[in-house]
Amino acid sequence: MKIFKITEPVFKTEPLFVIDCSFDQFTRYMKKSYHCPTGENLGQSGQMFTFSKAPWRVVWVEKNKFVLLHEIFHLVTRICQDKGVPIISQMEHGCGDETAAYLYEFFARRALKRIK
């Protein structure tokens, strides 16, 4: 099991990543360490969780790097929603989806570096 946080300074977020473990192992860890119930697994091999207390956002992935990237996309959309940053392909004025793209790249690079 690999457990790490990635501190993102622009939006001041620090999601927790729990990688390379079963959902049962993840659930036990979250209950013991944070007293956060995770619900039940519906057969997925990764999920992005939002909790009402710290650690707020948690990405769990069983093994697959592609699933990790998929869950990071969900993480980015939630952070953008929280901060009022629209994800729009084209805008007359402004950056459209560029903020989300940079945020995705930031988390993806750091997470992949941590698990290699």
PDB file of N, CA and C in Angstrom:
ATOM      1  N   MET A   1       0.852  -1.173   0.000  1.00  0.00           N
ATOM      2  CA  MET A   1       0.000   0.000   0.000  1.00  0.00           C
ATOM      3  C   MET A   1       0.899   1.237   0.000  1.00  0.00           C
ATOM      4  N   LYS A   2       0.615   2.162  -0.896  1.00  0.00           N
ATOM      5  CA  LYS A   2       1.331   3.435  -0.963  1.00  0.00           C
ATOM      6  C   LYS A   2       0.364   4.541  -0.576  1.00  0.00           C
ATOM      7  N   ILE A   3       0.773   5.351   0.388  1.00  0.00           N
ATOM      8  CA  ILE A   3      -0.076   6.420   0.899  1.00  0.00           C
ATOM      9  C   ILE A   3       0.729   7.712   0.858  1.00  0.00           C
ATOM     10  N   PHE A   4       0.165   8.734   0.226  1.00  0.00           N
ATOM     11  CA  PHE A   4       0.859  10.016   0.165  1.00  0.00           C
ATOM     12  C   PHE A   4      -0.145  11.125  -0.114  1.00  0.00           C
ATOM     13  N   LYS A   5       0.253  12.336   0.235  1.00  0.00           N
ATOM     14  CA  LYS A   5      -0.523  13.533  -0.076  1.00  0.00           C
ATOM     15  C   LYS A   5       0.254  14.330  -1.115  1.00  0.00           C
ATOM     16  N   ILE A   6      -0.482  15.049  -1.932  1.00  0.00           N
ATOM     17  CA  ILE A   6       0.134  15.972  -2.877  1.00  0.00           C
ATOM     18  C   ILE A   6      -0.391  17.363  -2.537  1.00  0.00           C
ATOM     19  N   THR A   7       0.513  18.224  -2.133  1.00  0.00           N
ATOM     20  CA  THR A   7       0.144  19.593  -1.787  1.00  0.00           C
ATOM     21  C   THR A   7       0.160  20.445  -3.048  1.00  0.00           C
ATOM     22  N   GLU A   8      -0.975  21.056  -3.320  1.00  0.00           N
ATOM     23  CA  GLU A   8      -1.132  21.897  -4.510  1.00  0.00           C
ATOM     24  C   GLU A   8      -1.308  23.332  -4.009  1.00  0.00           C
ATOM     25  N   PRO A   9      -0.347  24.227  -4.295  1.00  0.00           N
ATOM     26  CA  PRO A   9      -0.339  25.544  -3.664  1.00  0.00           C
ATOM     27  C   PRO A   9      -1.303  26.586  -4.230  1.00  0.00           C
ATOM     28  N   VAL A  10      -1.696  26.491  -5.481  1.00  0.00           N
ATOM     29  CA  VAL A  10      -2.534  27.541  -6.079  1.00  0.00           C
ATOM     30  C   VAL A  10      -3.930  27.558  -5.460  1.00  0.00           C
ATOM     31  N   PHE A  11      -4.590  26.411  -5.425  1.00  0.00           N
ATOM     32  CA  PHE A  11      -5.936  26.331  -4.849  1.00  0.00           C
ATOM     33  C   PHE A  11      -5.904  25.852  -3.398  1.00  0.00           C
ATOM     34  N   LYS A  12      -4.689  25.623  -2.890  1.00  0.00           N
ATOM     35  CA  LYS A  12      -4.493  25.207  -1.498  1.00  0.00           C
ATOM     36  C   LYS A  12      -5.240  23.901  -1.193  1.00  0.00           C
ATOM     37  N   THR A  13      -4.978  22.894  -2.013  1.00  0.00           N
ATOM     38  CA  THR A  13      -5.573  21.585  -1.798  1.00  0.00           C
ATOM     39  C   THR A  13      -4.471  20.589  -1.464  1.00  0.00           C
ATOM     40  N   GLU A  14      -4.852  19.527  -0.782  1.00  0.00           N
ATOM     41  CA  GLU A  14      -3.895  18.489  -0.418  1.00  0.00           C
ATOM     42  C   GLU A  14      -4.599  17.134  -0.390  1.00  0.00           C
ATOM     43  N   PRO A  15      -4.956  16.618  -1.563  1.00  0.00           N
ATOM     44  CA  PRO A  15      -5.646  15.329  -1.590  1.00  0.00           C
ATOM     45  C   PRO A  15      -4.730  14.194  -1.124  1.00  0.00           C
ATOM     46  N   LEU A  16      -5.364  13.196  -0.553  1.00  0.00           N
ATOM     47  CA  LEU A  16      -4.684  11.990  -0.092  1.00  0.00           C
ATOM     48  C   LEU A  16      -4.823  10.926  -1.176  1.00  0.00           C
ATOM     49  N   PHE A  17      -3.738  10.222  -1.454  1.00  0.00           N
ATOM     50  CA  PHE A  17      -3.740   9.133  -2.424  1.00  0.00           C
ATOM     51  C   PHE A  17      -3.434   7.836  -1.685  1.00  0.00           C
ATOM     52  N   VAL A  18      -4.272   6.840  -1.895  1.00  0.00           N
ATOM     53  CA  VAL A  18      -4.059   5.513  -1.323  1.00  0.00           C
ATOM     54  C   VAL A  18      -4.066   4.547  -2.504  1.00  0.00           C
ATOM     55  N   ILE A  19      -2.880   4.016  -2.810  1.00  0.00           N
ATOM     56  CA  ILE A  19      -2.660   3.280  -4.050  1.00  0.00           C
ATOM     57  C   ILE A  19      -2.156   1.877  -3.741  1.00  0.00           C
ATOM     58  N   ASP A  20      -2.430   0.960  -4.647  1.00  0.00           N
ATOM     59  CA  ASP A  20      -1.920  -0.425  -4.560  1.00  0.00           C
ATOM     60  C   ASP A  20      -2.443  -1.176  -3.346  1.00  0.00           C
ATOM     61  N   CYS A  21      -3.743  -1.169  -3.188  1.00  0.00           N
ATOM     62  CA  CYS A  21      -4.355  -1.950  -2.120  1.00  0.00           C
ATOM     63  C   CYS A  21      -5.794  -2.283  -2.515  1.00  0.00           C
ATOM     64  N   SER A  22      -6.328  -3.299  -1.877  1.00  0.00           N
ATOM     65  CA  SER A  22      -7.721  -3.668  -2.130  1.00  0.00           C
ATOM     66  C   SER A  22      -8.641  -2.626  -1.502  1.00  0.00           C
ATOM     67  N   PHE A  23      -9.893  -2.666  -1.891  1.00  0.00           N
ATOM     68  CA  PHE A  23     -10.871  -1.751  -1.301  1.00  0.00           C
ATOM     69  C   PHE A  23     -11.025  -2.033   0.184  1.00  0.00           C
ATOM     70  N   ASP A  24     -10.985  -3.308   0.580  1.00  0.00           N
ATOM     71  CA  ASP A  24     -11.089  -3.646   2.005  1.00  0.00           C
ATOM     72  C   ASP A  24      -9.928  -3.064   2.801  1.00  0.00           C
ATOM     73  N   GLN A  25      -8.717  -3.163   2.272  1.00  0.00           N
ATOM     74  CA  GLN A  25      -7.556  -2.570   2.945  1.00  0.00           C
ATOM     75  C   GLN A  25      -7.716  -1.053   3.045  1.00  0.00           C
ATOM     76  N   PHE A  26      -8.162  -0.444   1.970  1.00  0.00           N
ATOM     77  CA  PHE A  26      -8.393   0.997   1.946  1.00  0.00           C
ATOM     78  C   PHE A  26      -9.430   1.393   2.994  1.00  0.00           C
ATOM     79  N   THR A  27     -10.532   0.664   3.048  1.00  0.00           N
ATOM     80  CA  THR A  27     -11.596   0.954   4.009  1.00  0.00           C
ATOM     81  C   THR A  27     -11.088   0.875   5.440  1.00  0.00           C
ATOM     82  N   ARG A  28     -10.331  -0.171   5.748  1.00  0.00           N
ATOM     83  CA  ARG A  28      -9.774  -0.306   7.096  1.00  0.00           C
ATOM     84  C   ARG A  28      -8.844   0.861   7.425  1.00  0.00           C
ATOM     85  N   TYR A  29      -8.000   1.230   6.476  1.00  0.00           N
ATOM     86  CA  TYR A  29      -7.085   2.345   6.691  1.00  0.00           C
ATOM     87  C   TYR A  29      -7.848   3.650   6.963  1.00  0.00           C
ATOM     88  N   MET A  30      -8.848   3.947   6.150  1.00  0.00           N
ATOM     89  CA  MET A  30      -9.604   5.192   6.310  1.00  0.00           C
ATOM     90  C   MET A  30     -10.361   5.228   7.634  1.00  0.00           C
ATOM     91  N   LYS A  31     -10.933   4.108   8.049  1.00  0.00           N
ATOM     92  CA  LYS A  31     -11.645   4.060   9.331  1.00  0.00           C
ATOM     93  C   LYS A  31     -10.683   4.250  10.494  1.00  0.00           C
ATOM     94  N   LYS A  32      -9.540   3.554  10.446  1.00  0.00           N
ATOM     95  CA  LYS A  32      -8.566   3.617  11.539  1.00  0.00           C
ATOM     96  C   LYS A  32      -7.876   4.982  11.613  1.00  0.00           C
ATOM     97  N   SER A  33      -7.457   5.511  10.486  1.00  0.00           N
ATOM     98  CA  SER A  33      -6.664   6.735  10.470  1.00  0.00           C
ATOM     99  C   SER A  33      -7.477   8.024  10.495  1.00  0.00           C
ATOM    100  N   TYR A  34      -8.669   8.008   9.881  1.00  0.00           N
ATOM    101  CA  TYR A  34      -9.442   9.237   9.743  1.00  0.00           C
ATOM    102  C   TYR A  34     -10.887   9.134  10.218  1.00  0.00           C
ATOM    103  N   HIS A  35     -11.313   7.957  10.611  1.00  0.00           N
ATOM    104  CA  HIS A  35     -12.703   7.725  11.024  1.00  0.00           C
ATOM    105  C   HIS A  35     -13.682   8.137   9.925  1.00  0.00           C
ATOM    106  N   CYS A  36     -13.293   7.845   8.681  1.00  0.00           N
ATOM    107  CA  CYS A  36     -14.116   8.175   7.511  1.00  0.00           C
ATOM    108  C   CYS A  36     -14.656   6.886   6.893  1.00  0.00           C
ATOM    109  N   PRO A  37     -15.965   6.706   6.907  1.00  0.00           N
ATOM    110  CA  PRO A  37     -16.530   5.526   6.247  1.00  0.00           C
ATOM    111  C   PRO A  37     -16.493   5.693   4.728  1.00  0.00           C
ATOM    112  N   THR A  38     -16.191   4.621   4.024  1.00  0.00           N
ATOM    113  CA  THR A  38     -16.045   4.701   2.571  1.00  0.00           C
ATOM    114  C   THR A  38     -17.244   4.153   1.815  1.00  0.00           C
ATOM    115  N   GLY A  39     -18.180   3.543   2.509  1.00  0.00           N
ATOM    116  CA  GLY A  39     -19.290   2.906   1.809  1.00  0.00           C
ATOM    117  C   GLY A  39     -18.852   1.570   1.263  1.00  0.00           C
ATOM    118  N   GLU A  40     -19.588   1.074   0.291  1.00  0.00           N
ATOM    119  CA  GLU A  40     -19.251  -0.237  -0.249  1.00  0.00           C
ATOM    120  C   GLU A  40     -18.676  -0.117  -1.652  1.00  0.00           C
ATOM    121  N   ASN A  41     -17.902  -1.102  -2.015  1.00  0.00           N
ATOM    122  CA  ASN A  41     -17.310  -1.153  -3.344  1.00  0.00           C
ATOM    123  C   ASN A  41     -18.312  -1.815  -4.290  1.00  0.00           C
ATOM    124  N   LEU A  42     -18.547  -1.193  -5.408  1.00  0.00           N
ATOM    125  CA  LEU A  42     -19.483  -1.727  -6.389  1.00  0.00           C
ATOM    126  C   LEU A  42     -18.743  -2.379  -7.557  1.00  0.00           C
ATOM    127  N   GLY A  43     -17.532  -2.862  -7.279  1.00  0.00           N
ATOM    128  CA  GLY A  43     -16.761  -3.542  -8.305  1.00  0.00           C
ATOM    129  C   GLY A  43     -15.729  -2.687  -9.002  1.00  0.00           C
ATOM    130  N   GLN A  44     -15.618  -1.433  -8.640  1.00  0.00           N
ATOM    131  CA  GLN A  44     -14.642  -0.569  -9.289  1.00  0.00           C
ATOM    132  C   GLN A  44     -13.240  -0.833  -8.739  1.00  0.00           C
ATOM    133  N   SER A  45     -12.241  -0.417  -9.508  1.00  0.00           N
ATOM    134  CA  SER A  45     -10.854  -0.610  -9.086  1.00  0.00           C
ATOM    135  C   SER A  45     -10.198   0.707  -8.707  1.00  0.00           C
ATOM    136  N   GLY A  46     -11.003   1.741  -8.580  1.00  0.00           N
ATOM    137  CA  GLY A  46     -10.532   3.042  -8.136  1.00  0.00           C
ATOM    138  C   GLY A  46     -11.708   3.963  -7.906  1.00  0.00           C
ATOM    139  N   GLN A  47     -11.506   4.976  -7.084  1.00  0.00           N
ATOM    140  CA  GLN A  47     -12.586   5.919  -6.814  1.00  0.00           C
ATOM    141  C   GLN A  47     -12.004   7.182  -6.195  1.00  0.00           C
ATOM    142  N   MET A  48     -12.642   8.320  -6.467  1.00  0.00           N
ATOM    143  CA  MET A  48     -12.286   9.576  -5.842  1.00  0.00           C
ATOM    144  C   MET A  48     -13.370   9.880  -4.820  1.00  0.00           C
ATOM    145  N   PHE A  49     -12.988  10.049  -3.573  1.00  0.00           N
ATOM    146  CA  PHE A  49     -13.935  10.270  -2.481  1.00  0.00           C
ATOM    147  C   PHE A  49     -13.891  11.720  -2.031  1.00  0.00           C
ATOM    148  N   THR A  50     -15.043  12.226  -1.615  1.00  0.00           N
ATOM    149  CA  THR A  50     -15.150  13.518  -0.975  1.00  0.00           C
ATOM    150  C   THR A  50     -15.715  13.289   0.414  1.00  0.00           C
ATOM    151  N   PHE A  51     -14.994  13.748   1.423  1.00  0.00           N
ATOM    152  CA  PHE A  51     -15.442  13.608   2.800  1.00  0.00           C
ATOM    153  C   PHE A  51     -15.774  14.974   3.372  1.00  0.00           C
ATOM    154  N   SER A  52     -16.556  14.999   4.434  1.00  0.00           N
ATOM    155  CA  SER A  52     -16.978  16.260   5.050  1.00  0.00           C
ATOM    156  C   SER A  52     -15.953  16.782   6.055  1.00  0.00           C
ATOM    157  N   LYS A  53     -14.840  16.080   6.187  1.00  0.00           N
ATOM    158  CA  LYS A  53     -13.748  16.513   7.066  1.00  0.00           C
ATOM    159  C   LYS A  53     -12.431  16.046   6.449  1.00  0.00           C
ATOM    160  N   ALA A  54     -11.330  16.515   7.015  1.00  0.00           N
ATOM    161  CA  ALA A  54     -10.016  16.105   6.498  1.00  0.00           C
ATOM    162  C   ALA A  54      -9.914  14.587   6.521  1.00  0.00           C
ATOM    163  N   PRO A  55      -9.420  14.046   5.443  1.00  0.00           N
ATOM    164  CA  PRO A  55      -8.608  14.600   4.372  1.00  0.00           C
ATOM    165  C   PRO A  55      -9.394  15.148   3.179  1.00  0.00           C
ATOM    166  N   TRP A  56     -10.677  15.414   3.285  1.00  0.00           N
ATOM    167  CA  TRP A  56     -11.533  16.042   2.277  1.00  0.00           C
ATOM    168  C   TRP A  56     -11.619  15.280   0.959  1.00  0.00           C
ATOM    169  N   ARG A  57     -10.528  15.215   0.207  1.00  0.00           N
ATOM    170  CA  ARG A  57     -10.514  14.498  -1.078  1.00  0.00           C
ATOM    171  C   ARG A  57      -9.498  13.356  -0.992  1.00  0.00           C
ATOM    172  N   VAL A  58      -9.951  12.172  -1.391  1.00  0.00           N
ATOM    173  CA  VAL A  58      -9.091  10.992  -1.340  1.00  0.00           C
ATOM    174  C   VAL A  58      -9.252  10.210  -2.639  1.00  0.00           C
ATOM    175  N   VAL A  59      -8.113   9.838  -3.228  1.00  0.00           N
ATOM    176  CA  VAL A  59      -8.101   9.001  -4.418  1.00  0.00           C
ATOM    177  C   VAL A  59      -7.616   7.622  -4.007  1.00  0.00           C
ATOM    178  N   TRP A  60      -8.441   6.621  -4.224  1.00  0.00           N
ATOM    179  CA  TRP A  60      -8.054   5.230  -3.986  1.00  0.00           C
ATOM    180  C   TRP A  60      -7.979   4.516  -5.333  1.00  0.00           C
ATOM    181  N   VAL A  61      -6.882   3.771  -5.540  1.00  0.00           N
ATOM    182  CA  VAL A  61      -6.722   2.975  -6.755  1.00  0.00           C
ATOM    183  C   VAL A  61      -6.109   1.640  -6.359  1.00  0.00           C
ATOM    184  N   GLU A  62      -6.718   0.580  -6.867  1.00  0.00           N
ATOM    185  CA  GLU A  62      -6.230  -0.753  -6.549  1.00  0.00           C
ATOM    186  C   GLU A  62      -4.837  -1.002  -7.130  1.00  0.00           C
ATOM    187  N   LYS A  63      -4.648  -0.848  -8.443  1.00  0.00           N
ATOM    188  CA  LYS A  63      -3.340  -1.112  -9.039  1.00  0.00           C
ATOM    189  C   LYS A  63      -3.042  -0.331 -10.315  1.00  0.00           C
ATOM    190  N   ASN A  64      -3.977  -0.140 -11.171  1.00  0.00           N
ATOM    191  CA  ASN A  64      -3.766   0.294 -12.540  1.00  0.00           C
ATOM    192  C   ASN A  64      -3.458   1.791 -12.654  1.00  0.00           C
ATOM    193  N   LYS A  65      -2.365   2.145 -13.350  1.00  0.00           N
ATOM    194  CA  LYS A  65      -1.998   3.546 -13.543  1.00  0.00           C
ATOM    195  C   LYS A  65      -3.037   4.303 -14.360  1.00  0.00           C
ATOM    196  N   PHE A  66      -3.686   3.622 -15.301  1.00  0.00           N
ATOM    197  CA  PHE A  66      -4.714   4.289 -16.104  1.00  0.00           C
ATOM    198  C   PHE A  66      -5.932   4.630 -15.250  1.00  0.00           C
ATOM    199  N   VAL A  67      -6.249   3.761 -14.295  1.00  0.00           N
ATOM    200  CA  VAL A  67      -7.345   4.058 -13.366  1.00  0.00           C
ATOM    201  C   VAL A  67      -6.962   5.253 -12.490  1.00  0.00           C
ATOM    202  N   LEU A  68      -5.706   5.331 -12.088  1.00  0.00           N
ATOM    203  CA  LEU A  68      -5.230   6.474 -11.317  1.00  0.00           C
ATOM    204  C   LEU A  68      -5.449   7.771 -12.102  1.00  0.00           C
ATOM    205  N   LEU A  69      -5.090   7.775 -13.365  1.00  0.00           N
ATOM    206  CA  LEU A  69      -5.279   8.971 -14.191  1.00  0.00           C
ATOM    207  C   LEU A  69      -6.763   9.313 -14.332  1.00  0.00           C
ATOM    208  N   HIS A  70      -7.593   8.302 -14.476  1.00  0.00           N
ATOM    209  CA  HIS A  70      -9.040   8.498 -14.546  1.00  0.00           C
ATOM    210  C   HIS A  70      -9.549   9.178 -13.268  1.00  0.00           C
ATOM    211  N   GLU A  71      -9.110   8.684 -12.112  1.00  0.00           N
ATOM    212  CA  GLU A  71      -9.566   9.240 -10.839  1.00  0.00           C
ATOM    213  C   GLU A  71      -9.023  10.641 -10.609  1.00  0.00           C
ATOM    214  N   ILE A  72      -7.820  10.923 -11.101  1.00  0.00           N
ATOM    215  CA  ILE A  72      -7.282  12.283 -11.007  1.00  0.00           C
ATOM    216  C   ILE A  72      -8.149  13.257 -11.797  1.00  0.00           C
ATOM    217  N   PHE A  73      -8.698  12.809 -12.919  1.00  0.00           N
ATOM    218  CA  PHE A  73      -9.618  13.670 -13.674  1.00  0.00           C
ATOM    219  C   PHE A  73     -10.818  14.051 -12.802  1.00  0.00           C
ATOM    220  N   HIS A  74     -11.389  13.066 -12.102  1.00  0.00           N
ATOM    221  CA  HIS A  74     -12.513  13.365 -11.197  1.00  0.00           C
ATOM    222  C   HIS A  74     -12.085  14.336 -10.099  1.00  0.00           C
ATOM    223  N   LEU A  75     -10.896  14.127  -9.557  1.00  0.00           N
ATOM    224  CA  LEU A  75     -10.369  15.023  -8.527  1.00  0.00           C
ATOM    225  C   LEU A  75     -10.304  16.456  -9.054  1.00  0.00           C
ATOM    226  N   VAL A  76      -9.776  16.639 -10.234  1.00  0.00           N
ATOM    227  CA  VAL A  76      -9.628  17.971 -10.826  1.00  0.00           C
ATOM    228  C   VAL A  76     -10.987  18.622 -11.053  1.00  0.00           C
ATOM    229  N   THR A  77     -11.950  17.884 -11.548  1.00  0.00           N
ATOM    230  CA  THR A  77     -13.270  18.487 -11.779  1.00  0.00           C
ATOM    231  C   THR A  77     -13.910  18.922 -10.464  1.00  0.00           C
ATOM    232  N   ARG A  78     -13.718  18.158  -9.396  1.00  0.00           N
ATOM    233  CA  ARG A  78     -14.268  18.536  -8.083  1.00  0.00           C
ATOM    234  C   ARG A  78     -13.580  19.776  -7.526  1.00  0.00           C
ATOM    235  N   ILE A  79     -12.246  19.837  -7.660  1.00  0.00           N
ATOM    236  CA  ILE A  79     -11.517  21.014  -7.174  1.00  0.00           C
ATOM    237  C   ILE A  79     -11.957  22.253  -7.948  1.00  0.00           C
ATOM    238  N   CYS A  80     -12.054  22.141  -9.253  1.00  0.00           N
ATOM    239  CA  CYS A  80     -12.501  23.281 -10.064  1.00  0.00           C
ATOM    240  C   CYS A  80     -13.912  23.711  -9.669  1.00  0.00           C
ATOM    241  N   GLN A  81     -14.787  22.755  -9.444  1.00  0.00           N
ATOM    242  CA  GLN A  81     -16.149  23.086  -9.012  1.00  0.00           C
ATOM    243  C   GLN A  81     -16.122  23.803  -7.662  1.00  0.00           C
ATOM    244  N   ASP A  82     -15.342  23.278  -6.710  1.00  0.00           N
ATOM    245  CA  ASP A  82     -15.235  23.900  -5.387  1.00  0.00           C
ATOM    246  C   ASP A  82     -14.759  25.340  -5.470  1.00  0.00           C
ATOM    247  N   LYS A  83     -13.835  25.604  -6.375  1.00  0.00           N
ATOM    248  CA  LYS A  83     -13.211  26.919  -6.467  1.00  0.00           C
ATOM    249  C   LYS A  83     -13.898  27.840  -7.468  1.00  0.00           C
ATOM    250  N   GLY A  84     -14.976  27.369  -8.094  1.00  0.00           N
ATOM    251  CA  GLY A  84     -15.709  28.200  -9.043  1.00  0.00           C
ATOM    252  C   GLY A  84     -14.999  28.404 -10.367  1.00  0.00           C
ATOM    253  N   VAL A  85     -14.166  27.443 -10.739  1.00  0.00           N
ATOM    254  CA  VAL A  85     -13.427  27.530 -11.999  1.00  0.00           C
ATOM    255  C   VAL A  85     -14.178  26.711 -13.050  1.00  0.00           C
ATOM    256  N   PRO A  86     -14.704  27.360 -14.087  1.00  0.00           N
ATOM    257  CA  PRO A  86     -15.445  26.612 -15.101  1.00  0.00           C
ATOM    258  C   PRO A  86     -14.517  25.751 -15.966  1.00  0.00           C
ATOM    259  N   ILE A  87     -15.035  24.632 -16.392  1.00  0.00           N
ATOM    260  CA  ILE A  87     -14.310  23.797 -17.348  1.00  0.00           C
ATOM    261  C   ILE A  87     -15.116  23.829 -18.636  1.00  0.00           C
ATOM    262  N   ILE A  88     -14.739  24.749 -19.503  1.00  0.00           N
ATOM    263  CA  ILE A  88     -15.451  24.984 -20.753  1.00  0.00           C
ATOM    264  C   ILE A  88     -14.418  24.942 -21.868  1.00  0.00           C
ATOM    265  N   SER A  89     -14.715  24.231 -22.937  1.00  0.00           N
ATOM    266  CA  SER A  89     -13.712  24.050 -23.993  1.00  0.00           C
ATOM    267  C   SER A  89     -13.278  25.366 -24.625  1.00  0.00           C
ATOM    268  N   GLN A  90     -14.189  26.283 -24.818  1.00  0.00           N
ATOM    269  CA  GLN A  90     -13.831  27.568 -25.409  1.00  0.00           C
ATOM    270  C   GLN A  90     -14.646  28.661 -24.747  1.00  0.00           C
ATOM    271  N   MET A  91     -13.965  29.757 -24.451  1.00  0.00           N
ATOM    272  CA  MET A  91     -14.628  30.922 -23.867  1.00  0.00           C
ATOM    273  C   MET A  91     -14.219  32.141 -24.680  1.00  0.00           C
ATOM    274  N   GLU A  92     -15.117  33.106 -24.796  1.00  0.00           N
ATOM    275  CA  GLU A  92     -14.777  34.327 -25.528  1.00  0.00           C
ATOM    276  C   GLU A  92     -13.641  35.066 -24.836  1.00  0.00           C
ATOM    277  N   HIS A  93     -13.705  35.134 -23.508  1.00  0.00           N
ATOM    278  CA  HIS A  93     -12.663  35.783 -22.713  1.00  0.00           C
ATOM    279  C   HIS A  93     -12.279  34.831 -21.596  1.00  0.00           C
ATOM    280  N   GLY A  94     -11.027  34.603 -21.434  1.00  0.00           N
ATOM    281  CA  GLY A  94     -10.570  33.726 -20.361  1.00  0.00           C
ATOM    282  C   GLY A  94      -9.902  32.489 -20.907  1.00  0.00           C
ATOM    283  N   CYS A  95      -9.639  31.574 -20.009  1.00  0.00           N
ATOM    284  CA  CYS A  95      -8.789  30.437 -20.370  1.00  0.00           C
ATOM    285  C   CYS A  95      -9.554  29.135 -20.599  1.00  0.00           C
ATOM    286  N   GLY A  96     -10.866  29.119 -20.455  1.00  0.00           N
ATOM    287  CA  GLY A  96     -11.639  27.912 -20.738  1.00  0.00           C
ATOM    288  C   GLY A  96     -11.205  26.742 -19.881  1.00  0.00           C
ATOM    289  N   ASP A  97     -10.751  25.687 -20.521  1.00  0.00           N
ATOM    290  CA  ASP A  97     -10.381  24.479 -19.788  1.00  0.00           C
ATOM    291  C   ASP A  97      -8.891  24.408 -19.457  1.00  0.00           C
ATOM    292  N   GLU A  98      -8.163  25.473 -19.718  1.00  0.00           N
ATOM    293  CA  GLU A  98      -6.712  25.471 -19.505  1.00  0.00           C
ATOM    294  C   GLU A  98      -6.346  25.273 -18.033  1.00  0.00           C
ATOM    295  N   THR A  99      -7.066  25.889 -17.130  1.00  0.00           N
ATOM    296  CA  THR A  99      -6.793  25.728 -15.699  1.00  0.00           C
ATOM    297  C   THR A  99      -6.916  24.271 -15.297  1.00  0.00           C
ATOM    298  N   ALA A 100      -7.977  23.625 -15.721  1.00  0.00           N
ATOM    299  CA  ALA A 100      -8.172  22.210 -15.394  1.00  0.00           C
ATOM    300  C   ALA A 100      -7.076  21.345 -16.002  1.00  0.00           C
ATOM    301  N   ALA A 101      -6.655  21.667 -17.215  1.00  0.00           N
ATOM    302  CA  ALA A 101      -5.597  20.891 -17.866  1.00  0.00           C
ATOM    303  C   ALA A 101      -4.284  20.995 -17.095  1.00  0.00           C
ATOM    304  N   TYR A 102      -3.925  22.190 -16.662  1.00  0.00           N
ATOM    305  CA  TYR A 102      -2.703  22.359 -15.880  1.00  0.00           C
ATOM    306  C   TYR A 102      -2.806  21.658 -14.526  1.00  0.00           C
ATOM    307  N   LEU A 103      -3.964  21.746 -13.889  1.00  0.00           N
ATOM    308  CA  LEU A 103      -4.162  21.089 -12.601  1.00  0.00           C
ATOM    309  C   LEU A 103      -4.073  19.575 -12.752  1.00  0.00           C
ATOM    310  N   TYR A 104      -4.662  19.046 -13.807  1.00  0.00           N
ATOM    311  CA  TYR A 104      -4.582  17.607 -14.089  1.00  0.00           C
ATOM    312  C   TYR A 104      -3.128  17.182 -14.284  1.00  0.00           C
ATOM    313  N   GLU A 105      -2.398  17.938 -15.087  1.00  0.00           N
ATOM    314  CA  GLU A 105      -0.990  17.618 -15.333  1.00  0.00           C
ATOM    315  C   GLU A 105      -0.184  17.664 -14.037  1.00  0.00           C
ATOM    316  N   PHE A 106      -0.450  18.651 -13.194  1.00  0.00           N
ATOM    317  CA  PHE A 106       0.246  18.778 -11.914  1.00  0.00           C
ATOM    318  C   PHE A 106       0.065  17.518 -11.066  1.00  0.00           C
ATOM    319  N   PHE A 107      -1.184  17.111 -10.868  1.00  0.00           N
ATOM    320  CA  PHE A 107      -1.447  15.925 -10.037  1.00  0.00           C
ATOM    321  C   PHE A 107      -0.949  14.646 -10.701  1.00  0.00           C
ATOM    322  N   ALA A 108      -1.138  14.514 -12.000  1.00  0.00           N
ATOM    323  CA  ALA A 108      -0.710  13.297 -12.696  1.00  0.00           C
ATOM    324  C   ALA A 108       0.802  13.119 -12.611  1.00  0.00           C
ATOM    325  N   ARG A 109       1.546  14.164 -12.873  1.00  0.00           N
ATOM    326  CA  ARG A 109       3.012  14.067 -12.809  1.00  0.00           C
ATOM    327  C   ARG A 109       3.481  13.661 -11.413  1.00  0.00           C
ATOM    328  N   ARG A 110       2.949  14.311 -10.403  1.00  0.00           N
ATOM    329  CA  ARG A 110       3.406  14.034  -9.048  1.00  0.00           C
ATOM    330  C   ARG A 110       2.966  12.647  -8.570  1.00  0.00           C
ATOM    331  N   ALA A 111       1.756  12.247  -8.898  1.00  0.00           N
ATOM    332  CA  ALA A 111       1.278  10.928  -8.464  1.00  0.00           C
ATOM    333  C   ALA A 111       2.059   9.823  -9.156  1.00  0.00           C
ATOM    334  N   LEU A 112       2.270   9.942 -10.456  1.00  0.00           N
ATOM    335  CA  LEU A 112       3.019   8.906 -11.184  1.00  0.00           C
ATOM    336  C   LEU A 112       4.465   8.824 -10.694  1.00  0.00           C
ATOM    337  N   LYS A 113       5.033   9.949 -10.365  1.00  0.00           N
ATOM    338  CA  LYS A 113       6.399   9.958  -9.834  1.00  0.00           C
ATOM    339  C   LYS A 113       6.463   9.234  -8.490  1.00  0.00           C
ATOM    340  N   ARG A 114       5.429   9.396  -7.673  1.00  0.00           N
ATOM    341  CA  ARG A 114       5.404   8.765  -6.347  1.00  0.00           C
ATOM    342  C   ARG A 114       5.215   7.262  -6.397  1.00  0.00           C
ATOM    343  N   ILE A 115       4.559   6.752  -7.451  1.00  0.00           N
ATOM    344  CA  ILE A 115       4.268   5.313  -7.470  1.00  0.00           C
ATOM    345  C   ILE A 115       5.230   4.503  -8.310  1.00  0.00           C
ATOM    346  N   LYS A 116       6.167   5.140  -9.017  1.00  0.00           N
ATOM    347  CA  LYS A 116       7.054   4.343  -9.873  1.00  0.00           C
ATOM    348  C   LYS A 116       8.113   3.592  -9.093  1.00  0.00           C
TER     349      LYS A 116
END
